[in-house]
Amino acid sequence: MIIYPTLELKNGKCVSLTRGRLDEPVLWHVDPVETARSFVEAGAEWMHVTDMDALAGGEGNEALISEIIRAVGIPVQLGGGFRSRERVEHWIGQGAGRIVIGTMAAHDPDLLRELAKYHPDQIVLAVDIYQGAVMTEGWQSQSAFDPADYIKAFDDAPLAGIILTDVDADIEDSDGSLGLITSLAAQTRHPVIARGTVRSADDVARLKYVPNIAGTLIGRALLSRDVDLGEALALASATKGPVAAFQ
């Protein structure tokens, strides 16, 4: 299982959202580039960056993200406001390892499939779920899509993976059951990356036993020091123990 240490950037600073609200971020007083380098020093093989300003329609973090990509020397999975072919191809050209697409997939699913076809293993679908429906526009708009049907519609696309977020659990900052992500992960052939589920090292250990979970994003828990990245990486790479068979 791959651990994706995660930075969320707003106005050039590392932030975390409060209850999913873009206008109430928690500001972390750390240097984004040095923090990204520390992930590599801890042993990370991938990292994830979300451009919160781009999610809201701005472009304030482009230079910083380019610097992070150059500095870390590991693949960077980049999300935030990808709603056009031009922006996707721009960042692939700038060295992003993968591009995460959410809202575009809901509005123009054929474009997502086309981008996945021309950039195999570089396009990731983000599926954010709140109160049983797929959310778009950075968790701001609730669609009419059923999550299982929505994911199934992209089974034929050569995606690098699907990021699944249980928004209910994330915004409540609760332990939240893995039931939703476990159920959806079992219904797709694509590798699934869980988001919003890790608040302690124990959560990493639990995720290893969920079928078809290929990775997890960890952001706020690293910056708050609730999770040690080195420990999380060791747990993710450890050999699974025996699992009892129940009848």
C-alpha atoms as a PDB file:
ATOM      1  CA  MET A   1       0.000   0.000   0.000  1.00  0.00           C
ATOM      2  CA  ILE A   2       1.333   3.437  -0.967  1.00  0.00           C
ATOM      3  CA  ILE A   3       1.328   6.273   1.547  1.00  0.00           C
ATOM      4  CA  TYR A   4       0.809   9.673  -0.095  1.00  0.00           C
ATOM      5  CA  PRO A   5       1.952  12.377   2.339  1.00  0.00           C
ATOM      6  CA  THR A   6      -0.216  15.327   1.395  1.00  0.00           C
ATOM      7  CA  LEU A   7       0.127  19.098   1.235  1.00  0.00           C
ATOM      8  CA  GLU A   8      -2.872  21.357   0.709  1.00  0.00           C
ATOM      9  CA  LEU A   9      -1.755  24.806  -0.477  1.00  0.00           C
ATOM     10  CA  LYS A  10      -3.588  28.112  -0.192  1.00  0.00           C
ATOM     11  CA  ASN A  11      -1.947  31.499  -0.805  1.00  0.00           C
ATOM     12  CA  GLY A  12       1.447  29.819  -0.721  1.00  0.00           C
ATOM     13  CA  LYS A  13       0.856  28.292   2.727  1.00  0.00           C
ATOM     14  CA  CYS A  14       0.140  24.770   3.975  1.00  0.00           C
ATOM     15  CA  VAL A  15      -3.439  24.497   5.204  1.00  0.00           C
ATOM     16  CA  SER A  16      -6.120  22.025   6.201  1.00  0.00           C
ATOM     17  CA  LEU A  17      -9.807  22.649   5.737  1.00  0.00           C
ATOM     18  CA  THR A  18     -12.216  23.027   8.664  1.00  0.00           C
ATOM     19  CA  ARG A  19     -15.338  20.961   7.983  1.00  0.00           C
ATOM     20  CA  GLY A  20     -14.554  21.055   4.272  1.00  0.00           C
ATOM     21  CA  ARG A  21     -14.885  24.850   4.032  1.00  0.00           C
ATOM     22  CA  LEU A  22     -12.449  26.659   1.725  1.00  0.00           C
ATOM     23  CA  ASP A  23     -13.003  29.931   3.606  1.00  0.00           C
ATOM     24  CA  GLU A  24     -11.969  28.532   7.015  1.00  0.00           C
ATOM     25  CA  PRO A  25      -8.599  26.847   6.555  1.00  0.00           C
ATOM     26  CA  VAL A  26      -6.305  25.861   9.406  1.00  0.00           C
ATOM     27  CA  LEU A  27      -2.916  27.433   8.692  1.00  0.00           C
ATOM     28  CA  TRP A  28       0.230  25.406   9.410  1.00  0.00           C
ATOM     29  CA  HIS A  29       3.353  27.472  10.056  1.00  0.00           C
ATOM     30  CA  VAL A  30       5.708  25.282   8.043  1.00  0.00           C
ATOM     31  CA  ASP A  31       7.659  25.827   4.840  1.00  0.00           C
ATOM     32  CA  PRO A  32       5.919  23.886   2.036  1.00  0.00           C
ATOM     33  CA  VAL A  33       9.103  23.008   0.131  1.00  0.00           C
ATOM     34  CA  GLU A  34      11.023  21.947   3.228  1.00  0.00           C
ATOM     35  CA  THR A  35       8.043  19.934   4.430  1.00  0.00           C
ATOM     36  CA  ALA A  36       7.878  18.188   1.054  1.00  0.00           C
ATOM     37  CA  ARG A  37      11.606  17.409   1.308  1.00  0.00           C
ATOM     38  CA  SER A  38      11.052  15.975   4.785  1.00  0.00           C
ATOM     39  CA  PHE A  39       8.547  13.521   3.310  1.00  0.00           C
ATOM     40  CA  VAL A  40      11.250  12.242   0.970  1.00  0.00           C
ATOM     41  CA  GLU A  41      13.779  12.006   3.817  1.00  0.00           C
ATOM     42  CA  ALA A  42      11.284   9.865   5.744  1.00  0.00           C
ATOM     43  CA  GLY A  43      11.139   7.435   2.812  1.00  0.00           C
ATOM     44  CA  ALA A  44       8.045   8.490   0.833  1.00  0.00           C
ATOM     45  CA  GLU A  45       7.996   7.278  -2.772  1.00  0.00           C
ATOM     46  CA  TRP A  46       5.002   9.426  -3.787  1.00  0.00           C
ATOM     47  CA  MET A  47       3.410  12.584  -2.471  1.00  0.00           C
ATOM     48  CA  HIS A  48       0.131  14.395  -3.125  1.00  0.00           C
ATOM     49  CA  VAL A  49      -0.422  18.138  -3.507  1.00  0.00           C
ATOM     50  CA  THR A  50      -3.805  19.890  -3.687  1.00  0.00           C
ATOM     51  CA  ASP A  51      -3.939  23.471  -4.968  1.00  0.00           C
ATOM     52  CA  MET A  52      -6.795  24.973  -2.938  1.00  0.00           C
ATOM     53  CA  ASP A  53      -6.621  28.276  -4.793  1.00  0.00           C
ATOM     54  CA  ALA A  54      -7.064  26.511  -8.140  1.00  0.00           C
ATOM     55  CA  LEU A  55      -9.973  24.588  -6.638  1.00  0.00           C
ATOM     56  CA  ALA A  56     -11.628  27.955  -6.034  1.00  0.00           C
ATOM     57  CA  GLY A  57     -10.723  29.248  -9.505  1.00  0.00           C
ATOM     58  CA  GLY A  58      -7.421  31.015  -8.772  1.00  0.00           C
ATOM     59  CA  GLU A  59      -3.830  30.370  -9.854  1.00  0.00           C
ATOM     60  CA  GLY A  60      -1.813  31.522  -6.870  1.00  0.00           C
ATOM     61  CA  ASN A  61       0.350  28.444  -6.221  1.00  0.00           C
ATOM     62  CA  GLU A  62       1.748  27.576  -9.652  1.00  0.00           C
ATOM     63  CA  ALA A  63       5.335  28.702  -8.953  1.00  0.00           C
ATOM     64  CA  LEU A  64       5.346  26.975  -5.549  1.00  0.00           C
ATOM     65  CA  ILE A  65       4.030  23.695  -6.960  1.00  0.00           C
ATOM     66  CA  SER A  66       6.649  23.769  -9.729  1.00  0.00           C
ATOM     67  CA  GLU A  67       9.321  24.285  -7.068  1.00  0.00           C
ATOM     68  CA  ILE A  68       8.017  21.348  -5.031  1.00  0.00           C
ATOM     69  CA  ILE A  69       8.018  19.068  -8.093  1.00  0.00           C
ATOM     70  CA  ARG A  70      11.637  20.026  -8.836  1.00  0.00           C
ATOM     71  CA  ALA A  71      12.743  19.739  -5.213  1.00  0.00           C
ATOM     72  CA  VAL A  72      11.389  16.373  -4.143  1.00  0.00           C
ATOM     73  CA  GLY A  73      12.666  13.994  -6.826  1.00  0.00           C
ATOM     74  CA  ILE A  74       9.688  11.654  -6.360  1.00  0.00           C
ATOM     75  CA  PRO A  75       6.426  11.593  -8.337  1.00  0.00           C
ATOM     76  CA  VAL A  76       3.875  14.200  -7.285  1.00  0.00           C
ATOM     77  CA  GLN A  77       0.166  13.508  -7.628  1.00  0.00           C
ATOM     78  CA  LEU A  78      -1.502  16.890  -8.204  1.00  0.00           C
ATOM     79  CA  GLY A  79      -5.131  17.873  -7.666  1.00  0.00           C
ATOM     80  CA  GLY A  80      -7.185  21.035  -7.548  1.00  0.00           C
ATOM     81  CA  GLY A  81      -9.278  22.736 -10.211  1.00  0.00           C
ATOM     82  CA  PHE A  82      -8.482  20.574 -13.242  1.00  0.00           C
ATOM     83  CA  ARG A  83     -11.413  21.467 -15.495  1.00  0.00           C
ATOM     84  CA  SER A  84      -9.763  21.735 -18.926  1.00  0.00           C
ATOM     85  CA  ARG A  85      -7.551  19.646 -21.192  1.00  0.00           C
ATOM     86  CA  GLU A  86      -5.059  22.521 -21.397  1.00  0.00           C
ATOM     87  CA  ARG A  87      -4.454  22.664 -17.656  1.00  0.00           C
ATOM     88  CA  VAL A  88      -4.058  18.891 -17.383  1.00  0.00           C
ATOM     89  CA  GLU A  89      -1.522  18.807 -20.209  1.00  0.00           C
ATOM     90  CA  HIS A  90       0.272  21.881 -18.849  1.00  0.00           C
ATOM     91  CA  TRP A  91       0.984  20.184 -15.529  1.00  0.00           C
ATOM     92  CA  ILE A  92       1.922  16.863 -17.084  1.00  0.00           C
ATOM     93  CA  GLY A  93       4.409  18.869 -19.126  1.00  0.00           C
ATOM     94  CA  GLN A  94       5.639  20.513 -15.904  1.00  0.00           C
ATOM     95  CA  GLY A  95       6.484  17.107 -14.456  1.00  0.00           C
ATOM     96  CA  ALA A  96       3.461  16.149 -12.369  1.00  0.00           C
ATOM     97  CA  GLY A  97       3.397  12.375 -11.988  1.00  0.00           C
ATOM     98  CA  ARG A  98      -0.392  12.164 -11.931  1.00  0.00           C
ATOM     99  CA  ILE A  99      -3.324  14.531 -12.294  1.00  0.00           C
ATOM    100  CA  VAL A 100      -6.409  14.185 -10.087  1.00  0.00           C
ATOM    101  CA  ILE A 101      -9.716  15.057 -11.745  1.00  0.00           C
ATOM    102  CA  GLY A 102     -13.032  15.433  -9.943  1.00  0.00           C
ATOM    103  CA  THR A 103     -15.548  17.998 -11.202  1.00  0.00           C
ATOM    104  CA  MET A 104     -14.501  17.665 -14.856  1.00  0.00           C
ATOM    105  CA  ALA A 105     -15.438  13.976 -14.792  1.00  0.00           C
ATOM    106  CA  ALA A 106     -18.979  14.815 -13.720  1.00  0.00           C
ATOM    107  CA  HIS A 107     -19.456  17.523 -16.350  1.00  0.00           C
ATOM    108  CA  ASP A 108     -17.509  15.996 -19.255  1.00  0.00           C
ATOM    109  CA  PRO A 109     -16.914  12.270 -18.705  1.00  0.00           C
ATOM    110  CA  ASP A 110     -15.828  11.729 -22.317  1.00  0.00           C
ATOM    111  CA  LEU A 111     -12.988  14.217 -21.864  1.00  0.00           C
ATOM    112  CA  LEU A 112     -11.812  12.331 -18.782  1.00  0.00           C
ATOM    113  CA  ARG A 113     -11.797   9.071 -20.752  1.00  0.00           C
ATOM    114  CA  GLU A 114      -9.896  10.720 -23.591  1.00  0.00           C
ATOM    115  CA  LEU A 115      -7.276  12.179 -21.256  1.00  0.00           C
ATOM    116  CA  ALA A 116      -6.847   8.790 -19.579  1.00  0.00           C
ATOM    117  CA  LYS A 117      -6.393   7.191 -22.999  1.00  0.00           C
ATOM    118  CA  TYR A 118      -3.669   9.636 -24.061  1.00  0.00           C
ATOM    119  CA  HIS A 119      -2.001   9.784 -20.647  1.00  0.00           C
ATOM    120  CA  PRO A 120      -2.228   6.195 -19.362  1.00  0.00           C
ATOM    121  CA  ASP A 121      -1.427   5.721 -15.673  1.00  0.00           C
ATOM    122  CA  GLN A 122      -1.381   9.485 -15.114  1.00  0.00           C
ATOM    123  CA  ILE A 123      -5.067  10.327 -14.608  1.00  0.00           C
ATOM    124  CA  VAL A 124      -6.764   9.708 -11.262  1.00  0.00           C
ATOM    125  CA  LEU A 125     -10.506  10.076 -10.695  1.00  0.00           C
ATOM    126  CA  ALA A 126     -11.538  11.783  -7.451  1.00  0.00           C
ATOM    127  CA  VAL A 127     -14.892  10.704  -6.034  1.00  0.00           C
ATOM    128  CA  ASP A 128     -16.036  12.703  -3.007  1.00  0.00           C
ATOM    129  CA  ILE A 129     -19.162  11.352  -1.320  1.00  0.00           C
ATOM    130  CA  TYR A 130     -21.449  13.217   1.062  1.00  0.00           C
ATOM    131  CA  GLN A 131     -24.802  11.972   2.336  1.00  0.00           C
ATOM    132  CA  GLY A 132     -24.860   9.224  -0.278  1.00  0.00           C
ATOM    133  CA  ALA A 133     -24.160  11.391  -3.351  1.00  0.00           C
ATOM    134  CA  VAL A 134     -21.113  12.433  -5.380  1.00  0.00           C
ATOM    135  CA  MET A 135     -19.978  15.996  -4.627  1.00  0.00           C
ATOM    136  CA  THR A 136     -18.439  18.411  -7.158  1.00  0.00           C
ATOM    137  CA  GLU A 137     -16.916  21.917  -7.152  1.00  0.00           C
ATOM    138  CA  GLY A 138     -14.633  21.129  -4.225  1.00  0.00           C
ATOM    139  CA  TRP A 139     -17.376  19.598  -2.031  1.00  0.00           C
ATOM    140  CA  GLN A 140     -19.604  22.624  -2.638  1.00  0.00           C
ATOM    141  CA  SER A 141     -22.236  21.081  -4.946  1.00  0.00           C
ATOM    142  CA  GLN A 142     -24.152  17.848  -4.511  1.00  0.00           C
ATOM    143  CA  SER A 143     -24.792  15.947  -7.733  1.00  0.00           C
ATOM    144  CA  ALA A 144     -27.505  13.422  -8.514  1.00  0.00           C
ATOM    145  CA  PHE A 145     -24.961  10.651  -9.092  1.00  0.00           C
ATOM    146  CA  ASP A 146     -25.036   7.471  -7.035  1.00  0.00           C
ATOM    147  CA  PRO A 147     -21.401   6.745  -6.087  1.00  0.00           C
ATOM    148  CA  ALA A 148     -21.410   3.074  -7.131  1.00  0.00           C
ATOM    149  CA  ASP A 149     -23.016   3.790 -10.509  1.00  0.00           C
ATOM    150  CA  TYR A 150     -20.720   6.763 -11.046  1.00  0.00           C
ATOM    151  CA  ILE A 151     -17.574   4.720 -10.425  1.00  0.00           C
ATOM    152  CA  LYS A 152     -18.840   1.875 -12.599  1.00  0.00           C
ATOM    153  CA  ALA A 153     -19.308   4.303 -15.518  1.00  0.00           C
ATOM    154  CA  PHE A 154     -15.523   4.748 -15.683  1.00  0.00           C
ATOM    155  CA  ASP A 155     -14.583   1.064 -15.486  1.00  0.00           C
ATOM    156  CA  ASP A 156     -13.463   1.091 -19.130  1.00  0.00           C
ATOM    157  CA  ALA A 157     -11.140   4.107 -18.725  1.00  0.00           C
ATOM    158  CA  PRO A 158      -7.404   3.379 -18.236  1.00  0.00           C
ATOM    159  CA  LEU A 159      -7.199   5.293 -14.963  1.00  0.00           C
ATOM    160  CA  ALA A 160      -4.203   5.213 -12.643  1.00  0.00           C
ATOM    161  CA  GLY A 161      -6.633   4.910  -9.752  1.00  0.00           C
ATOM    162  CA  ILE A 162      -9.622   6.372  -7.925  1.00  0.00           C
ATOM    163  CA  ILE A 163      -9.406   8.552  -4.818  1.00  0.00           C
ATOM    164  CA  LEU A 164     -12.415   7.896  -2.596  1.00  0.00           C
ATOM    165  CA  THR A 165     -13.342  10.403   0.105  1.00  0.00           C
ATOM    166  CA  ASP A 166     -16.065   9.850   2.681  1.00  0.00           C
ATOM    167  CA  VAL A 167     -16.789  13.547   3.192  1.00  0.00           C
ATOM    168  CA  ASP A 168     -19.163  12.857   6.102  1.00  0.00           C
ATOM    169  CA  ALA A 169     -16.321  11.304   8.110  1.00  0.00           C
ATOM    170  CA  ASP A 170     -13.758  13.881   6.983  1.00  0.00           C
ATOM    171  CA  ILE A 171     -15.682  17.050   7.831  1.00  0.00           C
ATOM    172  CA  GLU A 172     -16.846  15.660  11.169  1.00  0.00           C
ATOM    173  CA  ASP A 173     -13.228  14.812  12.011  1.00  0.00           C
ATOM    174  CA  SER A 174     -14.530  11.532  13.393  1.00  0.00           C
ATOM    175  CA  ASP A 175     -13.091   8.061  13.351  1.00  0.00           C
ATOM    176  CA  GLY A 176     -15.717   7.173  10.774  1.00  0.00           C
ATOM    177  CA  SER A 177     -16.332   3.638   9.603  1.00  0.00           C
ATOM    178  CA  LEU A 178     -14.467   2.299   6.583  1.00  0.00           C
ATOM    179  CA  GLY A 179     -17.754   0.758   5.454  1.00  0.00           C
ATOM    180  CA  LEU A 180     -18.429   3.147   2.566  1.00  0.00           C
ATOM    181  CA  ILE A 181     -14.937   3.019   1.107  1.00  0.00           C
ATOM    182  CA  THR A 182     -14.710  -0.738   1.644  1.00  0.00           C
ATOM    183  CA  SER A 183     -17.981  -1.286  -0.228  1.00  0.00           C
ATOM    184  CA  LEU A 184     -17.076   0.950  -3.163  1.00  0.00           C
ATOM    185  CA  ALA A 185     -13.530  -0.407  -3.451  1.00  0.00           C
ATOM    186  CA  ALA A 186     -14.984  -3.886  -3.931  1.00  0.00           C
ATOM    187  CA  GLN A 187     -17.025  -2.673  -6.908  1.00  0.00           C
ATOM    188  CA  THR A 188     -14.252  -1.345  -9.149  1.00  0.00           C
ATOM    189  CA  ARG A 189     -11.338  -2.876 -11.000  1.00  0.00           C
ATOM    190  CA  HIS A 190      -9.296   0.288 -10.491  1.00  0.00           C
ATOM    191  CA  PRO A 191      -6.896   0.600  -7.558  1.00  0.00           C
ATOM    192  CA  VAL A 192      -8.452   2.729  -4.828  1.00  0.00           C
ATOM    193  CA  ILE A 193      -6.728   5.440  -2.796  1.00  0.00           C
ATOM    194  CA  ALA A 194      -8.544   6.295   0.445  1.00  0.00           C
ATOM    195  CA  ARG A 195      -8.711   9.870   1.680  1.00  0.00           C
ATOM    196  CA  GLY A 196      -9.814  11.244   5.033  1.00  0.00           C
ATOM    197  CA  THR A 197      -9.561   7.935   6.851  1.00  0.00           C
ATOM    198  CA  VAL A 198      -6.180   8.179   8.623  1.00  0.00           C
ATOM    199  CA  ARG A 199      -5.923   9.946  11.967  1.00  0.00           C
ATOM    200  CA  SER A 200      -3.572   7.496  13.685  1.00  0.00           C
ATOM    201  CA  ALA A 201      -1.087   4.760  12.824  1.00  0.00           C
ATOM    202  CA  ASP A 202      -3.757   2.188  13.654  1.00  0.00           C
ATOM    203  CA  ASP A 203      -5.854   3.494  10.743  1.00  0.00           C
ATOM    204  CA  VAL A 204      -2.992   2.705   8.348  1.00  0.00           C
ATOM    205  CA  ALA A 205      -2.780  -0.836   9.720  1.00  0.00           C
ATOM    206  CA  ARG A 206      -6.539  -1.312   9.256  1.00  0.00           C
ATOM    207  CA  LEU A 207      -6.516  -0.047   5.678  1.00  0.00           C
ATOM    208  CA  LYS A 208      -4.010  -2.724   4.666  1.00  0.00           C
ATOM    209  CA  TYR A 209      -6.690  -5.357   5.168  1.00  0.00           C
ATOM    210  CA  VAL A 210      -9.325  -3.667   2.985  1.00  0.00           C
ATOM    211  CA  PRO A 211      -9.383  -5.395  -0.429  1.00  0.00           C
ATOM    212  CA  ASN A 212      -8.403  -3.212  -3.391  1.00  0.00           C
ATOM    213  CA  ILE A 213      -7.065  -0.338  -1.293  1.00  0.00           C
ATOM    214  CA  ALA A 214      -3.808   0.558  -3.035  1.00  0.00           C
ATOM    215  CA  GLY A 215      -2.948   3.639  -0.999  1.00  0.00           C
ATOM    216  CA  THR A 216      -4.042   6.437   1.297  1.00  0.00           C
ATOM    217  CA  LEU A 217      -3.566  10.190   1.511  1.00  0.00           C
ATOM    218  CA  ILE A 218      -2.349  11.549   4.861  1.00  0.00           C
ATOM    219  CA  GLY A 219      -2.196  15.297   5.332  1.00  0.00           C
ATOM    220  CA  ARG A 220      -3.511  16.926   8.504  1.00  0.00           C
ATOM    221  CA  ALA A 221      -2.463  13.994  10.714  1.00  0.00           C
ATOM    222  CA  LEU A 222       1.163  14.399   9.594  1.00  0.00           C
ATOM    223  CA  LEU A 223       1.252  18.163  10.094  1.00  0.00           C
ATOM    224  CA  SER A 224      -0.361  17.855  13.539  1.00  0.00           C
ATOM    225  CA  ARG A 225       2.127  15.065  14.374  1.00  0.00           C
ATOM    226  CA  ASP A 226      -0.658  12.625  15.203  1.00  0.00           C
ATOM    227  CA  VAL A 227       0.957  10.270  12.680  1.00  0.00           C
ATOM    228  CA  ASP A 228       4.674   9.744  12.163  1.00  0.00           C
ATOM    229  CA  LEU A 229       5.368   9.315   8.437  1.00  0.00           C
ATOM    230  CA  GLY A 230       8.187   6.828   8.946  1.00  0.00           C
ATOM    231  CA  GLU A 231       5.942   4.626  11.097  1.00  0.00           C
ATOM    232  CA  ALA A 232       3.089   4.885   8.588  1.00  0.00           C
ATOM    233  CA  LEU A 233       5.385   3.894   5.717  1.00  0.00           C
ATOM    234  CA  ALA A 234       6.678   0.912   7.701  1.00  0.00           C
ATOM    235  CA  LEU A 235       3.147  -0.249   8.487  1.00  0.00           C
ATOM    236  CA  ALA A 236       2.081   0.159   4.861  1.00  0.00           C
ATOM    237  CA  SER A 237       4.975  -1.923   3.566  1.00  0.00           C
ATOM    238  CA  ALA A 238       4.827  -4.634   6.231  1.00  0.00           C
ATOM    239  CA  THR A 239       3.725  -8.122   5.260  1.00  0.00           C
ATOM    240  CA  LYS A 240       0.097  -8.774   6.122  1.00  0.00           C
ATOM    241  CA  GLY A 241      -0.496 -11.100   9.030  1.00  0.00           C
ATOM    242  CA  PRO A 242      -2.842 -14.100   8.862  1.00  0.00           C
ATOM    243  CA  VAL A 243      -6.554 -13.380   8.714  1.00  0.00           C
ATOM    244  CA  ALA A 244      -9.017 -15.704  10.396  1.00  0.00           C
ATOM    245  CA  ALA A 245     -11.624 -17.313   8.151  1.00  0.00           C
ATOM    246  CA  PHE A 246     -15.191 -16.848   9.342  1.00  0.00           C
ATOM    247  CA  GLN A 247     -18.123 -18.931   8.184  1.00  0.00           C
END
